[in-house]
Amino acid sequence: MIREIILASKMVKFEEGLILTPYYCSERFPTIGWGETQGVLIGDVWTQAQADSKLYGRVLLFMQNLIKDCPALHLEAPSKLAACT
């Protein structure tokens, strides 16, 4: 599943970009890192390592929940599972 996590994370990174200080996204949520919105406080400062760690953890959790709901996905090509995530 590591390959799928890396592929999905690359997609998120491409779409979100990396910003290590909080900003308000288009939905007006405080956002930091690779698009993290949970628990973000204005004034926070992250390192890239923190942003990467949070992203990989989120992708893993989402992917695990997705496979629970759609068990056949783990039989698909890694790129398909990554795209569904």
PDB file of N, CA and C in Angstrom:
ATOM      1  N   MET A   1       0.831  -1.203   0.000  1.00  0.00           N
ATOM      2  CA  MET A   1       0.000   0.000   0.000  1.00  0.00           C
ATOM      3  C   MET A   1       0.871   1.262   0.000  1.00  0.00           C
ATOM      4  N   ILE A   2       2.162   1.108   0.238  1.00  0.00           N
ATOM      5  CA  ILE A   2       3.037   2.280   0.278  1.00  0.00           C
ATOM      6  C   ILE A   2       3.068   2.987  -1.074  1.00  0.00           C
ATOM      7  N   ARG A   3       3.123   2.204  -2.153  1.00  0.00           N
ATOM      8  CA  ARG A   3       3.152   2.821  -3.485  1.00  0.00           C
ATOM      9  C   ARG A   3       1.894   3.652  -3.730  1.00  0.00           C
ATOM     10  N   GLU A   4       0.753   3.142  -3.287  1.00  0.00           N
ATOM     11  CA  GLU A   4      -0.508   3.864  -3.471  1.00  0.00           C
ATOM     12  C   GLU A   4      -0.528   5.161  -2.651  1.00  0.00           C
ATOM     13  N   ILE A   5       0.011   5.095  -1.431  1.00  0.00           N
ATOM     14  CA  ILE A   5       0.065   6.290  -0.579  1.00  0.00           C
ATOM     15  C   ILE A   5       0.951   7.355  -1.226  1.00  0.00           C
ATOM     16  N   ILE A   6       2.076   6.938  -1.761  1.00  0.00           N
ATOM     17  CA  ILE A   6       2.979   7.888  -2.417  1.00  0.00           C
ATOM     18  C   ILE A   6       2.310   8.513  -3.638  1.00  0.00           C
ATOM     19  N   LEU A   7       1.637   7.690  -4.447  1.00  0.00           N
ATOM     20  CA  LEU A   7       0.954   8.222  -5.636  1.00  0.00           C
ATOM     21  C   LEU A   7      -0.149   9.208  -5.254  1.00  0.00           C
ATOM     22  N   ALA A   8      -0.976   8.834  -4.273  1.00  0.00           N
ATOM     23  CA  ALA A   8      -2.068   9.719  -3.851  1.00  0.00           C
ATOM     24  C   ALA A   8      -1.508  11.015  -3.261  1.00  0.00           C
ATOM     25  N   SER A   9      -0.435  10.916  -2.485  1.00  0.00           N
ATOM     26  CA  SER A   9       0.176  12.107  -1.888  1.00  0.00           C
ATOM     27  C   SER A   9       0.732  13.038  -2.959  1.00  0.00           C
ATOM     28  N   LYS A  10       1.309  12.471  -4.015  1.00  0.00           N
ATOM     29  CA  LYS A  10       1.807  13.301  -5.119  1.00  0.00           C
ATOM     30  C   LYS A  10       0.677  14.080  -5.767  1.00  0.00           C
ATOM     31  N   MET A  11      -0.491  13.448  -5.900  1.00  0.00           N
ATOM     32  CA  MET A  11      -1.641  14.146  -6.481  1.00  0.00           C
ATOM     33  C   MET A  11      -2.080  15.304  -5.599  1.00  0.00           C
ATOM     34  N   VAL A  12      -2.141  15.058  -4.287  1.00  0.00           N
ATOM     35  CA  VAL A  12      -2.534  16.115  -3.350  1.00  0.00           C
ATOM     36  C   VAL A  12      -1.514  17.254  -3.408  1.00  0.00           C
ATOM     37  N   LYS A  13      -0.229  16.905  -3.386  1.00  0.00           N
ATOM     38  CA  LYS A  13       0.813  17.921  -3.417  1.00  0.00           C
ATOM     39  C   LYS A  13       0.707  18.780  -4.673  1.00  0.00           C
ATOM     40  N   PHE A  14       0.423  18.153  -5.805  1.00  0.00           N
ATOM     41  CA  PHE A  14       0.283  18.893  -7.060  1.00  0.00           C
ATOM     42  C   PHE A  14      -0.890  19.868  -6.990  1.00  0.00           C
ATOM     43  N   GLU A  15      -2.004  19.411  -6.440  1.00  0.00           N
ATOM     44  CA  GLU A  15      -3.213  20.242  -6.379  1.00  0.00           C
ATOM     45  C   GLU A  15      -3.138  21.327  -5.315  1.00  0.00           C
ATOM     46  N   GLU A  16      -2.567  21.022  -4.170  1.00  0.00           N
ATOM     47  CA  GLU A  16      -2.609  21.934  -3.022  1.00  0.00           C
ATOM     48  C   GLU A  16      -1.420  22.883  -2.937  1.00  0.00           C
ATOM     49  N   GLY A  17      -0.233  22.412  -3.248  1.00  0.00           N
ATOM     50  CA  GLY A  17       0.956  23.221  -3.003  1.00  0.00           C
ATOM     51  C   GLY A  17       1.273  23.224  -1.510  1.00  0.00           C
ATOM     52  N   LEU A  18       2.468  23.645  -1.176  1.00  0.00           N
ATOM     53  CA  LEU A  18       2.922  23.622   0.211  1.00  0.00           C
ATOM     54  C   LEU A  18       3.058  25.044   0.739  1.00  0.00           C
ATOM     55  N   ILE A  19       2.351  25.325   1.825  1.00  0.00           N
ATOM     56  CA  ILE A  19       2.462  26.611   2.509  1.00  0.00           C
ATOM     57  C   ILE A  19       2.608  26.292   3.995  1.00  0.00           C
ATOM     58  N   LEU A  20       3.694  26.748   4.591  1.00  0.00           N
ATOM     59  CA  LEU A  20       4.036  26.350   5.951  1.00  0.00           C
ATOM     60  C   LEU A  20       3.531  27.290   7.032  1.00  0.00           C
ATOM     61  N   THR A  21       2.791  28.309   6.651  1.00  0.00           N
ATOM     62  CA  THR A  21       2.122  29.192   7.603  1.00  0.00           C
ATOM     63  C   THR A  21       0.638  29.241   7.235  1.00  0.00           C
ATOM     64  N   PRO A  22      -0.236  29.447   8.194  1.00  0.00           N
ATOM     65  CA  PRO A  22      -1.674  29.398   7.922  1.00  0.00           C
ATOM     66  C   PRO A  22      -2.143  30.498   6.969  1.00  0.00           C
ATOM     67  N   TYR A  23      -3.130  30.119   6.189  1.00  0.00           N
ATOM     68  CA  TYR A  23      -3.828  31.038   5.291  1.00  0.00           C
ATOM     69  C   TYR A  23      -5.279  30.570   5.241  1.00  0.00           C
ATOM     70  N   TYR A  24      -6.151  31.418   4.748  1.00  0.00           N
ATOM     71  CA  TYR A  24      -7.551  31.026   4.606  1.00  0.00           C
ATOM     72  C   TYR A  24      -7.780  30.510   3.190  1.00  0.00           C
ATOM     73  N   CYS A  25      -8.249  29.258   3.096  1.00  0.00           N
ATOM     74  CA  CYS A  25      -8.535  28.682   1.787  1.00  0.00           C
ATOM     75  C   CYS A  25      -9.797  29.323   1.214  1.00  0.00           C
ATOM     76  N   SER A  26     -10.174  28.904   0.022  1.00  0.00           N
ATOM     77  CA  SER A  26     -11.343  29.484  -0.644  1.00  0.00           C
ATOM     78  C   SER A  26     -12.635  29.251   0.129  1.00  0.00           C
ATOM     79  N   GLU A  27     -12.648  28.255   0.987  1.00  0.00           N
ATOM     80  CA  GLU A  27     -13.823  27.978   1.821  1.00  0.00           C
ATOM     81  C   GLU A  27     -13.749  28.687   3.173  1.00  0.00           C
ATOM     82  N   ARG A  28     -12.710  29.516   3.350  1.00  0.00           N
ATOM     83  CA  ARG A  28     -12.504  30.336   4.548  1.00  0.00           C
ATOM     84  C   ARG A  28     -12.093  29.522   5.786  1.00  0.00           C
ATOM     85  N   PHE A  29     -11.462  28.376   5.574  1.00  0.00           N
ATOM     86  CA  PHE A  29     -10.907  27.593   6.680  1.00  0.00           C
ATOM     87  C   PHE A  29      -9.426  27.904   6.816  1.00  0.00           C
ATOM     88  N   PRO A  30      -8.923  28.064   8.042  1.00  0.00           N
ATOM     89  CA  PRO A  30      -7.481  28.185   8.212  1.00  0.00           C
ATOM     90  C   PRO A  30      -6.819  26.898   7.698  1.00  0.00           C
ATOM     91  N   THR A  31      -5.805  27.047   6.885  1.00  0.00           N
ATOM     92  CA  THR A  31      -5.193  25.924   6.175  1.00  0.00           C
ATOM     93  C   THR A  31      -3.679  26.054   6.265  1.00  0.00           C
ATOM     94  N   ILE A  32      -2.985  24.904   6.320  1.00  0.00           N
ATOM     95  CA  ILE A  32      -1.529  24.909   6.403  1.00  0.00           C
ATOM     96  C   ILE A  32      -0.998  23.645   5.725  1.00  0.00           C
ATOM     97  N   GLY A  33       0.265  23.634   5.418  1.00  0.00           N
ATOM     98  CA  GLY A  33       0.898  22.447   4.853  1.00  0.00           C
ATOM     99  C   GLY A  33       0.403  22.156   3.453  1.00  0.00           C
ATOM    100  N   TRP A  34       0.033  20.913   3.221  1.00  0.00           N
ATOM    101  CA  TRP A  34      -0.471  20.462   1.926  1.00  0.00           C
ATOM    102  C   TRP A  34      -1.998  20.506   1.913  1.00  0.00           C
ATOM    103  N   GLY A  35      -2.602  21.509   2.540  1.00  0.00           N
ATOM    104  CA  GLY A  35      -4.054  21.644   2.532  1.00  0.00           C
ATOM    105  C   GLY A  35      -4.745  21.164   3.793  1.00  0.00           C
ATOM    106  N   GLU A  36      -3.994  21.034   4.873  1.00  0.00           N
ATOM    107  CA  GLU A  36      -4.579  20.584   6.151  1.00  0.00           C
ATOM    108  C   GLU A  36      -5.440  21.689   6.751  1.00  0.00           C
ATOM    109  N   THR A  37      -6.659  21.319   7.183  1.00  0.00           N
ATOM    110  CA  THR A  37      -7.568  22.301   7.776  1.00  0.00           C
ATOM    111  C   THR A  37      -7.955  21.967   9.214  1.00  0.00           C
ATOM    112  N   GLN A  38      -7.664  20.782   9.680  1.00  0.00           N
ATOM    113  CA  GLN A  38      -8.086  20.405  11.032  1.00  0.00           C
ATOM    114  C   GLN A  38      -7.052  20.830  12.062  1.00  0.00           C
ATOM    115  N   GLY A  39      -7.518  21.553  13.068  1.00  0.00           N
ATOM    116  CA  GLY A  39      -6.662  21.951  14.168  1.00  0.00           C
ATOM    117  C   GLY A  39      -5.665  23.055  13.841  1.00  0.00           C
ATOM    118  N   VAL A  40      -5.891  23.771  12.751  1.00  0.00           N
ATOM    119  CA  VAL A  40      -4.964  24.825  12.335  1.00  0.00           C
ATOM    120  C   VAL A  40      -5.293  26.116  13.079  1.00  0.00           C
ATOM    121  N   LEU A  41      -4.280  26.718  13.670  1.00  0.00           N
ATOM    122  CA  LEU A  41      -4.439  28.001  14.351  1.00  0.00           C
ATOM    123  C   LEU A  41      -3.604  29.054  13.644  1.00  0.00           C
ATOM    124  N   ILE A  42      -4.180  30.233  13.476  1.00  0.00           N
ATOM    125  CA  ILE A  42      -3.418  31.334  12.909  1.00  0.00           C
ATOM    126  C   ILE A  42      -2.235  31.583  13.841  1.00  0.00           C
ATOM    127  N   GLY A  43      -1.051  31.652  13.295  1.00  0.00           N
ATOM    128  CA  GLY A  43       0.163  31.788  14.091  1.00  0.00           C
ATOM    129  C   GLY A  43       0.996  30.516  14.093  1.00  0.00           C
ATOM    130  N   ASP A  44       0.385  29.381  13.712  1.00  0.00           N
ATOM    131  CA  ASP A  44       1.148  28.135  13.609  1.00  0.00           C
ATOM    132  C   ASP A  44       2.223  28.273  12.530  1.00  0.00           C
ATOM    133  N   VAL A  45       3.300  27.557  12.699  1.00  0.00           N
ATOM    134  CA  VAL A  45       4.333  27.439  11.663  1.00  0.00           C
ATOM    135  C   VAL A  45       4.743  25.974  11.635  1.00  0.00           C
ATOM    136  N   TRP A  46       4.717  25.378  10.438  1.00  0.00           N
ATOM    137  CA  TRP A  46       5.103  23.985  10.284  1.00  0.00           C
ATOM    138  C   TRP A  46       6.407  23.880   9.517  1.00  0.00           C
ATOM    139  N   THR A  47       7.067  22.747   9.674  1.00  0.00           N
ATOM    140  CA  THR A  47       8.189  22.395   8.812  1.00  0.00           C
ATOM    141  C   THR A  47       7.633  21.529   7.679  1.00  0.00           C
ATOM    142  N   GLN A  48       8.429  21.341   6.645  1.00  0.00           N
ATOM    143  CA  GLN A  48       7.973  20.462   5.575  1.00  0.00           C
ATOM    144  C   GLN A  48       7.797  19.038   6.095  1.00  0.00           C
ATOM    145  N   ALA A  49       8.648  18.626   7.025  1.00  0.00           N
ATOM    146  CA  ALA A  49       8.520  17.284   7.601  1.00  0.00           C
ATOM    147  C   ALA A  49       7.167  17.115   8.312  1.00  0.00           C
ATOM    148  N   GLN A  50       6.724  18.150   9.026  1.00  0.00           N
ATOM    149  CA  GLN A  50       5.418  18.086   9.694  1.00  0.00           C
ATOM    150  C   GLN A  50       4.292  17.996   8.664  1.00  0.00           C
ATOM    151  N   ALA A  51       4.391  18.805   7.615  1.00  0.00           N
ATOM    152  CA  ALA A  51       3.365  18.804   6.574  1.00  0.00           C
ATOM    153  C   ALA A  51       3.313  17.451   5.871  1.00  0.00           C
ATOM    154  N   ASP A  52       4.479  16.905   5.547  1.00  0.00           N
ATOM    155  CA  ASP A  52       4.534  15.598   4.883  1.00  0.00           C
ATOM    156  C   ASP A  52       3.943  14.517   5.772  1.00  0.00           C
ATOM    157  N   SER A  53       4.305  14.521   7.045  1.00  0.00           N
ATOM    158  CA  SER A  53       3.816  13.515   7.982  1.00  0.00           C
ATOM    159  C   SER A  53       2.302  13.562   8.100  1.00  0.00           C
ATOM    160  N   LYS A  54       1.753  14.755   8.223  1.00  0.00           N
ATOM    161  CA  LYS A  54       0.297  14.908   8.332  1.00  0.00           C
ATOM    162  C   LYS A  54      -0.389  14.425   7.057  1.00  0.00           C
ATOM    163  N   LEU A  55       0.185  14.780   5.909  1.00  0.00           N
ATOM    164  CA  LEU A  55      -0.408  14.360   4.634  1.00  0.00           C
ATOM    165  C   LEU A  55      -0.404  12.839   4.509  1.00  0.00           C
ATOM    166  N   TYR A  56       0.731  12.196   4.768  1.00  0.00           N
ATOM    167  CA  TYR A  56       0.807  10.743   4.625  1.00  0.00           C
ATOM    168  C   TYR A  56      -0.149  10.048   5.585  1.00  0.00           C
ATOM    169  N   GLY A  57      -0.265  10.573   6.798  1.00  0.00           N
ATOM    170  CA  GLY A  57      -1.204  10.002   7.760  1.00  0.00           C
ATOM    171  C   GLY A  57      -2.643  10.125   7.306  1.00  0.00           C
ATOM    172  N   ARG A  58      -2.990  11.285   6.763  1.00  0.00           N
ATOM    173  CA  ARG A  58      -4.358  11.502   6.266  1.00  0.00           C
ATOM    174  C   ARG A  58      -4.664  10.588   5.082  1.00  0.00           C
ATOM    175  N   VAL A  59      -3.714  10.498   4.158  1.00  0.00           N
ATOM    176  CA  VAL A  59      -3.919   9.651   2.976  1.00  0.00           C
ATOM    177  C   VAL A  59      -4.079   8.194   3.406  1.00  0.00           C
ATOM    178  N   LEU A  60      -3.243   7.729   4.325  1.00  0.00           N
ATOM    179  CA  LEU A  60      -3.338   6.354   4.806  1.00  0.00           C
ATOM    180  C   LEU A  60      -4.700   6.089   5.428  1.00  0.00           C
ATOM    181  N   LEU A  61      -5.149   6.969   6.317  1.00  0.00           N
ATOM    182  CA  LEU A  61      -6.443   6.800   6.968  1.00  0.00           C
ATOM    183  C   LEU A  61      -7.578   6.775   5.947  1.00  0.00           C
ATOM    184  N   PHE A  62      -7.548   7.710   5.011  1.00  0.00           N
ATOM    185  CA  PHE A  62      -8.601   7.770   4.002  1.00  0.00           C
ATOM    186  C   PHE A  62      -8.589   6.508   3.147  1.00  0.00           C
ATOM    187  N   MET A  63      -7.387   6.052   2.776  1.00  0.00           N
ATOM    188  CA  MET A  63      -7.262   4.864   1.943  1.00  0.00           C
ATOM    189  C   MET A  63      -7.773   3.625   2.680  1.00  0.00           C
ATOM    190  N   GLN A  64      -7.455   3.502   3.956  1.00  0.00           N
ATOM    191  CA  GLN A  64      -7.948   2.365   4.740  1.00  0.00           C
ATOM    192  C   GLN A  64      -9.473   2.360   4.801  1.00  0.00           C
ATOM    193  N   ASN A  65     -10.066   3.519   5.013  1.00  0.00           N
ATOM    194  CA  ASN A  65     -11.523   3.607   5.056  1.00  0.00           C
ATOM    195  C   ASN A  65     -12.137   3.312   3.692  1.00  0.00           C
ATOM    196  N   LEU A  66     -11.485   3.755   2.641  1.00  0.00           N
ATOM    197  CA  LEU A  66     -11.970   3.500   1.290  1.00  0.00           C
ATOM    198  C   LEU A  66     -11.964   2.002   0.995  1.00  0.00           C
ATOM    199  N   ILE A  67     -10.900   1.316   1.383  1.00  0.00           N
ATOM    200  CA  ILE A  67     -10.812  -0.132   1.140  1.00  0.00           C
ATOM    201  C   ILE A  67     -11.853  -0.888   1.971  1.00  0.00           C
ATOM    202  N   LYS A  68     -12.160  -0.395   3.175  1.00  0.00           N
ATOM    203  CA  LYS A  68     -13.231  -1.019   3.963  1.00  0.00           C
ATOM    204  C   LYS A  68     -14.562  -0.932   3.225  1.00  0.00           C
ATOM    205  N   ASP A  69     -14.813   0.223   2.606  1.00  0.00           N
ATOM    206  CA  ASP A  69     -16.073   0.429   1.890  1.00  0.00           C
ATOM    207  C   ASP A  69     -16.093  -0.246   0.524  1.00  0.00           C
ATOM    208  N   CYS A  70     -14.936  -0.371  -0.100  1.00  0.00           N
ATOM    209  CA  CYS A  70     -14.814  -0.953  -1.449  1.00  0.00           C
ATOM    210  C   CYS A  70     -13.667  -1.963  -1.448  1.00  0.00           C
ATOM    211  N   PRO A  71     -13.855  -3.140  -0.849  1.00  0.00           N
ATOM    212  CA  PRO A  71     -12.751  -4.083  -0.668  1.00  0.00           C
ATOM    213  C   PRO A  71     -12.059  -4.503  -1.962  1.00  0.00           C
ATOM    214  N   ALA A  72     -12.757  -4.522  -3.071  1.00  0.00           N
ATOM    215  CA  ALA A  72     -12.145  -4.955  -4.326  1.00  0.00           C
ATOM    216  C   ALA A  72     -11.079  -3.982  -4.825  1.00  0.00           C
ATOM    217  N   LEU A  73     -11.071  -2.767  -4.300  1.00  0.00           N
ATOM    218  CA  LEU A  73     -10.082  -1.781  -4.764  1.00  0.00           C
ATOM    219  C   LEU A  73      -8.648  -2.217  -4.496  1.00  0.00           C
ATOM    220  N   HIS A  74      -8.420  -3.007  -3.452  1.00  0.00           N
ATOM    221  CA  HIS A  74      -7.042  -3.420  -3.174  1.00  0.00           C
ATOM    222  C   HIS A  74      -6.507  -4.368  -4.248  1.00  0.00           C
ATOM    223  N   LEU A  75      -7.385  -4.889  -5.105  1.00  0.00           N
ATOM    224  CA  LEU A  75      -6.966  -5.758  -6.197  1.00  0.00           C
ATOM    225  C   LEU A  75      -6.649  -4.979  -7.470  1.00  0.00           C
ATOM    226  N   GLU A  76      -6.994  -3.710  -7.484  1.00  0.00           N
ATOM    227  CA  GLU A  76      -6.783  -2.875  -8.665  1.00  0.00           C
ATOM    228  C   GLU A  76      -5.339  -2.382  -8.741  1.00  0.00           C
ATOM    229  N   ALA A  77      -5.015  -1.785  -9.861  1.00  0.00           N
ATOM    230  CA  ALA A  77      -3.680  -1.184 -10.044  1.00  0.00           C
ATOM    231  C   ALA A  77      -3.475  -0.098  -8.994  1.00  0.00           C
ATOM    232  N   PRO A  78      -2.236   0.083  -8.519  1.00  0.00           N
ATOM    233  CA  PRO A  78      -1.966   1.116  -7.513  1.00  0.00           C
ATOM    234  C   PRO A  78      -2.451   2.503  -7.933  1.00  0.00           C
ATOM    235  N   SER A  79      -2.337   2.805  -9.201  1.00  0.00           N
ATOM    236  CA  SER A  79      -2.756   4.138  -9.657  1.00  0.00           C
ATOM    237  C   SER A  79      -4.270   4.329  -9.514  1.00  0.00           C
ATOM    238  N   LYS A  80      -5.038   3.265  -9.662  1.00  0.00           N
ATOM    239  CA  LYS A  80      -6.497   3.389  -9.520  1.00  0.00           C
ATOM    240  C   LYS A  80      -6.873   3.653  -8.070  1.00  0.00           C
ATOM    241  N   LEU A  81      -6.273   2.912  -7.148  1.00  0.00           N
ATOM    242  CA  LEU A  81      -6.549   3.137  -5.724  1.00  0.00           C
ATOM    243  C   LEU A  81      -6.110   4.548  -5.325  1.00  0.00           C
ATOM    244  N   ALA A  82      -4.957   4.975  -5.794  1.00  0.00           N
ATOM    245  CA  ALA A  82      -4.464   6.319  -5.486  1.00  0.00           C
ATOM    246  C   ALA A  82      -5.434   7.377  -5.999  1.00  0.00           C
ATOM    247  N   ALA A  83      -5.926   7.191  -7.214  1.00  0.00           N
ATOM    248  CA  ALA A  83      -6.850   8.169  -7.807  1.00  0.00           C
ATOM    249  C   ALA A  83      -8.168   8.214  -7.050  1.00  0.00           C
ATOM    250  N   CYS A  84      -8.632   7.069  -6.569  1.00  0.00           N
ATOM    251  CA  CYS A  84      -9.894   7.023  -5.813  1.00  0.00           C
ATOM    252  C   CYS A  84      -9.746   7.699  -4.469  1.00  0.00           C
ATOM    253  N   THR A  85      -8.535   7.731  -3.950  1.00  0.00           N
ATOM    254  CA  THR A  85      -8.292   8.334  -2.658  1.00  0.00           C
ATOM    255  C   THR A  85      -8.357   9.822  -2.792  1.00  0.00           C
TER     256      THR A  85
END
